[in-house]
Amino acid sequence: MKKSIILTSFLCIIALIVFSQPTFAAGIADNEIETEHYTYITIYPEDYTPSKNPKVVYLTFDDGPTMYTSEILDILDTHNIKATFFVVGNREHTHYMKEIVARGHAIGLHSYNHDFDQIYRSKDAFFKDLQKIDDIVYEQTGIRSKIMRFPGGSSASRGGAKLIMKQLKEEIVERGYQFFDWNCDSRDKMGAKTATEAFSKIKTASKDADDIIIVLMHDTEKITVQYLPDVIEHFKALGYEFLPLCLDSPAIHHTW
C-alpha cells in the first residue's frame, strides 16, 4: 500500500505541475496536450522527493463552478492545498474553470446538465452529455480531462441509471477514463443544513475511512465556504497529506 501511495503522489504532483503549465492555453491541439500530459518525466524536478505519507485525503467539489468557487479557491490557496473540481457545463460561471486550472487544481468531468432523467435514459444519451462537458472544459482550459464522476456516483439509481450503470462503467474505462466516487460525504447539498452539521458529518465519516479518503463536497453551497477551513485543519491534525486526483490515483468505487 505504501509503495502505491508513493507512486500515486509522484504521478499526481507531476500531473499537477503539467496542468499548471502555460502551454495548456485554449486552442492547443489535442495531440499536443496528450503528449505533454503523459510525458511526466520530462518535467520532473530533480530535487523533488516523493511523499512517503500513507495517509492521503482528496478534497473534491462537485456541480460547479458557481459564485462560491472563487472563495473556495482562495481558501485552498491560503492553506497551500490542491483539490479536484468535478464540473458541470450549464452554469453561468464556467469561466472559473480557467481559474481552477490556473491555480493548479485538477479538473474533472461531471455532467453538462446534471439532469438524471436525461443523462441516464440511455448509454448514448450519457456519452453525448459527457462529450458536451468535455468540450466545454477544453474550450475553457485547453485540457482534455480523463477523470470523471458519475452524477449521483457510480451507485446512482435515479433516472434509469441502475439499468445501464454496469455498461457505462465498463465503457468509461475502455475509453481511457477513471471514475471516482467517495468514502466521506459532507452531505452539504442534501442533508446538512448548516456548516457545523456538514463538518460533523465529515468528521464522523472519516473515523471509519481507510488511509485513503475522498471527500465529497459541493462548491454550489455557501456552507461549504464556511466549513472548508475546519475540514482542512481536521485532516491536517490527523496527519493527512492533501493531493488532487489524477488518472493514477487510488479509485474508490461504490457498489449497490
Protein backbone atom coordinates (compact mmCIF):
# COMPACT_ATOMS: atom_id res chain seq x y z
CA MET A 1 0.00 0.00 0.00
CA LYS A 2 2.80 2.42 0.89
CA LYS A 3 4.52 1.82 -2.47
CA SER A 4 1.22 2.52 -4.18
CA ILE A 5 0.80 5.81 -2.32
CA ILE A 6 4.36 6.90 -3.14
CA LEU A 7 3.76 6.23 -6.83
CA THR A 8 0.38 7.94 -6.68
CA SER A 9 1.86 11.03 -5.02
CA PHE A 10 4.57 11.15 -7.66
CA LEU A 11 2.19 10.93 -10.60
CA CYS A 12 -0.42 13.26 -9.18
CA ILE A 13 2.03 16.01 -8.31
CA ILE A 14 3.72 15.71 -11.69
CA ALA A 15 0.34 15.84 -13.41
CA LEU A 16 -0.49 18.89 -11.29
CA ILE A 17 2.70 20.59 -12.47
CA VAL A 18 1.80 19.80 -16.06
CA PHE A 19 -1.73 21.16 -15.67
CA SER A 20 -0.27 24.39 -14.31
CA GLN A 21 1.99 24.97 -17.29
CA PRO A 22 1.16 27.98 -19.51
CA THR A 23 1.28 25.76 -22.61
CA PHE A 24 -2.14 24.49 -21.65
CA ALA A 25 -3.92 27.51 -23.08
CA ALA A 26 -7.12 27.10 -25.03
CA GLY A 27 -6.52 26.46 -28.68
CA ILE A 28 -3.63 24.00 -28.40
CA ALA A 29 -4.20 20.90 -30.46
CA ASP A 30 -5.39 17.72 -28.75
CA ASN A 31 -2.29 15.73 -29.66
CA GLU A 32 -0.05 18.38 -28.07
CA ILE A 33 -1.99 18.18 -24.83
CA GLU A 34 -1.87 14.39 -24.82
CA THR A 35 1.91 14.40 -25.35
CA GLU A 36 2.54 16.93 -22.58
CA HIS A 37 0.09 15.30 -20.19
CA TYR A 38 1.68 11.86 -20.32
CA THR A 39 5.35 12.85 -20.54
CA TYR A 40 5.67 13.36 -16.79
CA ILE A 41 9.35 12.51 -16.53
CA THR A 42 10.41 15.29 -18.90
CA ILE A 43 9.43 17.90 -16.34
CA TYR A 44 10.16 16.01 -13.15
CA PRO A 45 12.08 18.32 -10.79
CA GLU A 46 15.44 16.79 -9.85
CA ASP A 47 15.19 18.00 -6.27
CA TYR A 48 11.69 16.62 -5.69
CA THR A 49 11.28 13.78 -3.17
CA PRO A 50 8.05 11.74 -3.50
CA SER A 51 5.85 11.69 -0.41
CA LYS A 52 6.08 8.64 1.85
CA ASN A 53 2.92 9.54 3.75
CA PRO A 54 0.46 6.61 3.60
CA LYS A 55 -2.44 8.87 4.68
CA VAL A 56 -3.83 10.88 1.77
CA VAL A 57 -7.03 12.91 1.54
CA TYR A 58 -8.52 14.16 -1.71
CA LEU A 59 -10.85 17.14 -1.38
CA THR A 60 -13.37 17.11 -4.22
CA PHE A 61 -16.03 19.63 -5.19
CA ASP A 62 -18.99 18.78 -7.43
CA ASP A 63 -21.54 20.65 -9.54
CA GLY A 64 -19.72 23.96 -10.02
CA PRO A 65 -18.33 26.34 -10.94
CA THR A 66 -20.61 28.79 -9.15
CA MET A 67 -20.43 32.13 -7.40
CA TYR A 68 -18.77 30.35 -4.43
CA THR A 69 -15.97 28.70 -6.41
CA SER A 70 -13.68 31.72 -6.22
CA GLU A 71 -13.97 31.87 -2.42
CA ILE A 72 -13.17 28.17 -2.18
CA LEU A 73 -10.12 28.65 -4.39
CA ASP A 74 -8.94 31.47 -2.11
CA ILE A 75 -9.27 29.23 0.96
CA LEU A 76 -7.31 26.45 -0.72
CA ASP A 77 -4.61 28.94 -1.73
CA THR A 78 -4.36 30.21 1.83
CA HIS A 79 -3.63 26.70 3.06
CA ASN A 80 -1.47 25.79 0.04
CA ILE A 81 -3.72 22.84 -0.81
CA LYS A 82 -4.64 21.42 -4.20
CA ALA A 83 -8.06 19.87 -4.75
CA THR A 84 -10.25 18.44 -7.51
CA PHE A 85 -13.32 20.03 -9.12
CA PHE A 86 -15.83 17.86 -10.99
CA VAL A 87 -17.59 20.44 -13.11
CA VAL A 88 -20.88 20.83 -14.96
CA GLY A 89 -21.50 22.87 -18.07
CA ASN A 90 -24.87 24.62 -17.78
CA ARG A 91 -23.67 27.27 -15.35
CA GLU A 92 -23.10 30.98 -15.84
CA HIS A 93 -19.74 30.74 -14.06
CA THR A 94 -17.94 28.39 -16.46
CA HIS A 95 -15.15 30.98 -16.75
CA TYR A 96 -13.98 29.84 -13.32
CA MET A 97 -12.80 26.61 -14.96
CA LYS A 98 -9.81 28.59 -16.20
CA GLU A 99 -9.17 29.83 -12.68
CA ILE A 100 -9.33 26.30 -11.27
CA VAL A 101 -6.61 25.12 -13.62
CA ALA A 102 -4.57 28.33 -13.37
CA ARG A 103 -4.33 27.85 -9.60
CA GLY A 104 -3.02 24.33 -10.03
CA HIS A 105 -6.07 22.23 -9.19
CA ALA A 106 -7.34 19.16 -11.00
CA ILE A 107 -10.46 19.50 -13.12
CA GLY A 108 -12.71 16.52 -13.80
CA LEU A 109 -15.82 15.87 -15.84
CA HIS A 110 -19.16 15.50 -14.08
CA SER A 111 -22.01 16.32 -16.44
CA TYR A 112 -23.26 19.00 -18.77
CA ASN A 113 -26.70 19.48 -17.24
CA HIS A 114 -26.82 17.06 -14.26
CA ASP A 115 -30.37 16.05 -15.22
CA PHE A 116 -30.62 12.39 -14.21
CA ASP A 117 -33.65 11.69 -16.39
CA GLN A 118 -31.84 12.95 -19.48
CA ILE A 119 -28.35 11.66 -18.75
CA TYR A 120 -29.34 8.13 -17.77
CA ARG A 121 -32.13 7.48 -20.24
CA SER A 122 -29.65 5.57 -22.45
CA LYS A 123 -25.96 4.88 -22.91
CA ASP A 124 -25.85 7.17 -25.95
CA ALA A 125 -27.52 9.99 -24.00
CA PHE A 126 -24.92 9.64 -21.24
CA PHE A 127 -21.92 9.85 -23.55
CA LYS A 128 -23.41 12.75 -25.52
CA ASP A 129 -23.74 14.65 -22.25
CA LEU A 130 -20.18 13.69 -21.25
CA GLN A 131 -18.85 14.91 -24.58
CA LYS A 132 -20.58 18.27 -24.10
CA ILE A 133 -18.92 18.90 -20.75
CA ASP A 134 -15.62 17.59 -22.11
CA ASP A 135 -15.78 20.14 -24.93
CA ILE A 136 -16.62 22.99 -22.56
CA VAL A 137 -13.71 22.13 -20.26
CA TYR A 138 -11.42 22.03 -23.28
CA GLU A 139 -12.71 25.37 -24.59
CA GLN A 140 -12.16 27.00 -21.20
CA THR A 141 -8.86 25.38 -20.19
CA GLY A 142 -7.24 23.60 -23.14
CA ILE A 143 -7.35 20.32 -21.19
CA ARG A 144 -8.99 17.05 -22.14
CA SER A 145 -9.57 15.65 -18.68
CA LYS A 146 -9.61 11.88 -18.21
CA ILE A 147 -11.00 11.83 -14.69
CA MET A 148 -14.74 11.91 -14.10
CA ARG A 149 -17.50 11.37 -11.57
CA PHE A 150 -20.92 10.00 -12.42
CA PRO A 151 -23.81 12.24 -11.38
CA GLY A 152 -25.03 10.63 -8.17
CA GLY A 153 -21.93 8.43 -8.12
CA SER A 154 -21.49 5.01 -9.72
CA SER A 155 -24.23 3.65 -7.44
CA ALA A 156 -26.83 6.13 -8.75
CA SER A 157 -30.26 4.66 -9.38
CA ARG A 158 -32.35 7.67 -10.38
CA GLY A 159 -33.40 8.30 -13.98
CA GLY A 160 -32.72 4.76 -15.10
CA ALA A 161 -29.06 4.86 -14.02
CA LYS A 162 -29.20 1.45 -12.37
CA LEU A 163 -30.30 -0.20 -15.62
CA ILE A 164 -27.27 0.99 -17.61
CA MET A 165 -24.61 1.75 -14.99
CA LYS A 166 -22.71 -1.51 -15.46
CA GLN A 167 -22.37 -0.77 -19.18
CA LEU A 168 -21.37 2.82 -18.50
CA LYS A 169 -18.64 1.89 -16.05
CA GLU A 170 -17.18 -0.65 -18.45
CA GLU A 171 -17.18 1.74 -21.40
CA ILE A 172 -15.82 4.65 -19.37
CA VAL A 173 -12.74 2.57 -18.58
CA GLU A 174 -12.48 1.35 -22.19
CA ARG A 175 -12.42 4.99 -23.33
CA GLY A 176 -9.45 5.73 -21.09
CA TYR A 177 -11.20 7.48 -18.20
CA GLN A 178 -11.06 6.77 -14.49
CA PHE A 179 -14.14 7.45 -12.40
CA PHE A 180 -14.08 8.40 -8.73
CA ASP A 181 -16.71 8.02 -6.05
CA TRP A 182 -16.14 8.96 -2.39
CA ASN A 183 -15.95 7.44 1.08
CA CYS A 184 -16.55 10.64 3.06
CA ASP A 185 -19.69 12.67 2.37
CA SER A 186 -20.30 16.15 3.78
CA ARG A 187 -23.99 15.99 2.84
CA ASP A 188 -23.66 19.73 2.27
CA LYS A 189 -26.14 19.65 -0.61
CA MET A 190 -28.55 17.06 0.72
CA GLY A 191 -28.98 16.59 4.45
CA ALA A 192 -26.72 19.07 6.21
CA LYS A 193 -28.43 22.41 6.77
CA THR A 194 -25.56 24.22 8.46
CA ALA A 195 -21.78 24.38 8.17
CA THR A 196 -21.47 22.83 11.63
CA GLU A 197 -23.62 19.88 10.62
CA ALA A 198 -21.70 19.29 7.39
CA PHE A 199 -18.36 19.40 9.18
CA SER A 200 -19.69 16.98 11.79
CA LYS A 201 -20.69 14.52 9.08
CA ILE A 202 -17.20 14.67 7.58
CA LYS A 203 -15.58 14.02 10.95
CA THR A 204 -17.89 11.07 11.57
CA ALA A 205 -17.35 9.57 8.13
CA SER A 206 -13.57 9.97 8.29
CA LYS A 207 -13.40 7.94 11.52
CA ASP A 208 -14.36 4.81 9.62
CA ALA A 209 -12.37 5.56 6.46
CA ASP A 210 -9.07 3.99 5.44
CA ASP A 211 -5.81 5.83 4.91
CA ILE A 212 -7.18 6.95 1.53
CA ILE A 213 -10.07 9.39 1.88
CA ILE A 214 -12.01 11.05 -0.92
CA VAL A 215 -14.26 13.78 0.47
CA LEU A 216 -17.41 14.78 -1.39
CA MET A 217 -18.30 18.48 -1.17
CA HIS A 218 -20.11 20.95 -3.41
CA ASP A 219 -18.99 24.40 -4.47
CA THR A 220 -22.65 25.24 -5.04
CA GLU A 221 -23.31 25.84 -1.35
CA LYS A 222 -22.48 28.80 0.89
CA ILE A 223 -21.99 26.49 3.87
CA THR A 224 -19.13 24.78 2.02
CA VAL A 225 -17.21 28.04 2.11
CA GLN A 226 -17.92 28.26 5.82
CA TYR A 227 -16.87 24.77 6.89
CA LEU A 228 -13.96 24.18 4.47
CA PRO A 229 -11.25 25.73 6.71
CA ASP A 230 -12.33 23.41 9.55
CA VAL A 231 -12.13 20.39 7.24
CA ILE A 232 -8.60 21.32 6.24
CA GLU A 233 -7.46 21.76 9.83
CA HIS A 234 -9.17 18.50 10.81
CA PHE A 235 -7.24 16.40 8.31
CA LYS A 236 -4.01 18.26 8.93
CA ALA A 237 -4.29 17.41 12.62
CA LEU A 238 -4.78 13.74 11.70
CA GLY A 239 -1.58 13.78 9.64
CA TYR A 240 -3.09 13.53 6.16
CA GLU A 241 -1.45 14.79 3.01
CA PHE A 242 -3.70 16.66 0.57
CA LEU A 243 -3.48 15.74 -3.11
CA PRO A 244 -5.55 16.35 -6.25
CA LEU A 245 -6.94 13.35 -8.09
CA CYS A 246 -5.32 12.17 -11.29
CA LEU A 247 -5.67 9.21 -13.63
CA ASP A 248 -3.40 7.06 -11.44
CA SER A 249 -4.95 7.91 -8.06
CA PRO A 250 -6.49 5.13 -5.95
CA ALA A 251 -10.10 4.92 -7.11
CA ILE A 252 -12.98 4.43 -4.71
CA HIS A 253 -15.93 2.80 -6.47
CA HIS A 254 -19.37 2.32 -4.97
CA THR A 255 -21.39 -0.87 -5.24
CA TRP A 256 -25.10 -1.44 -4.72
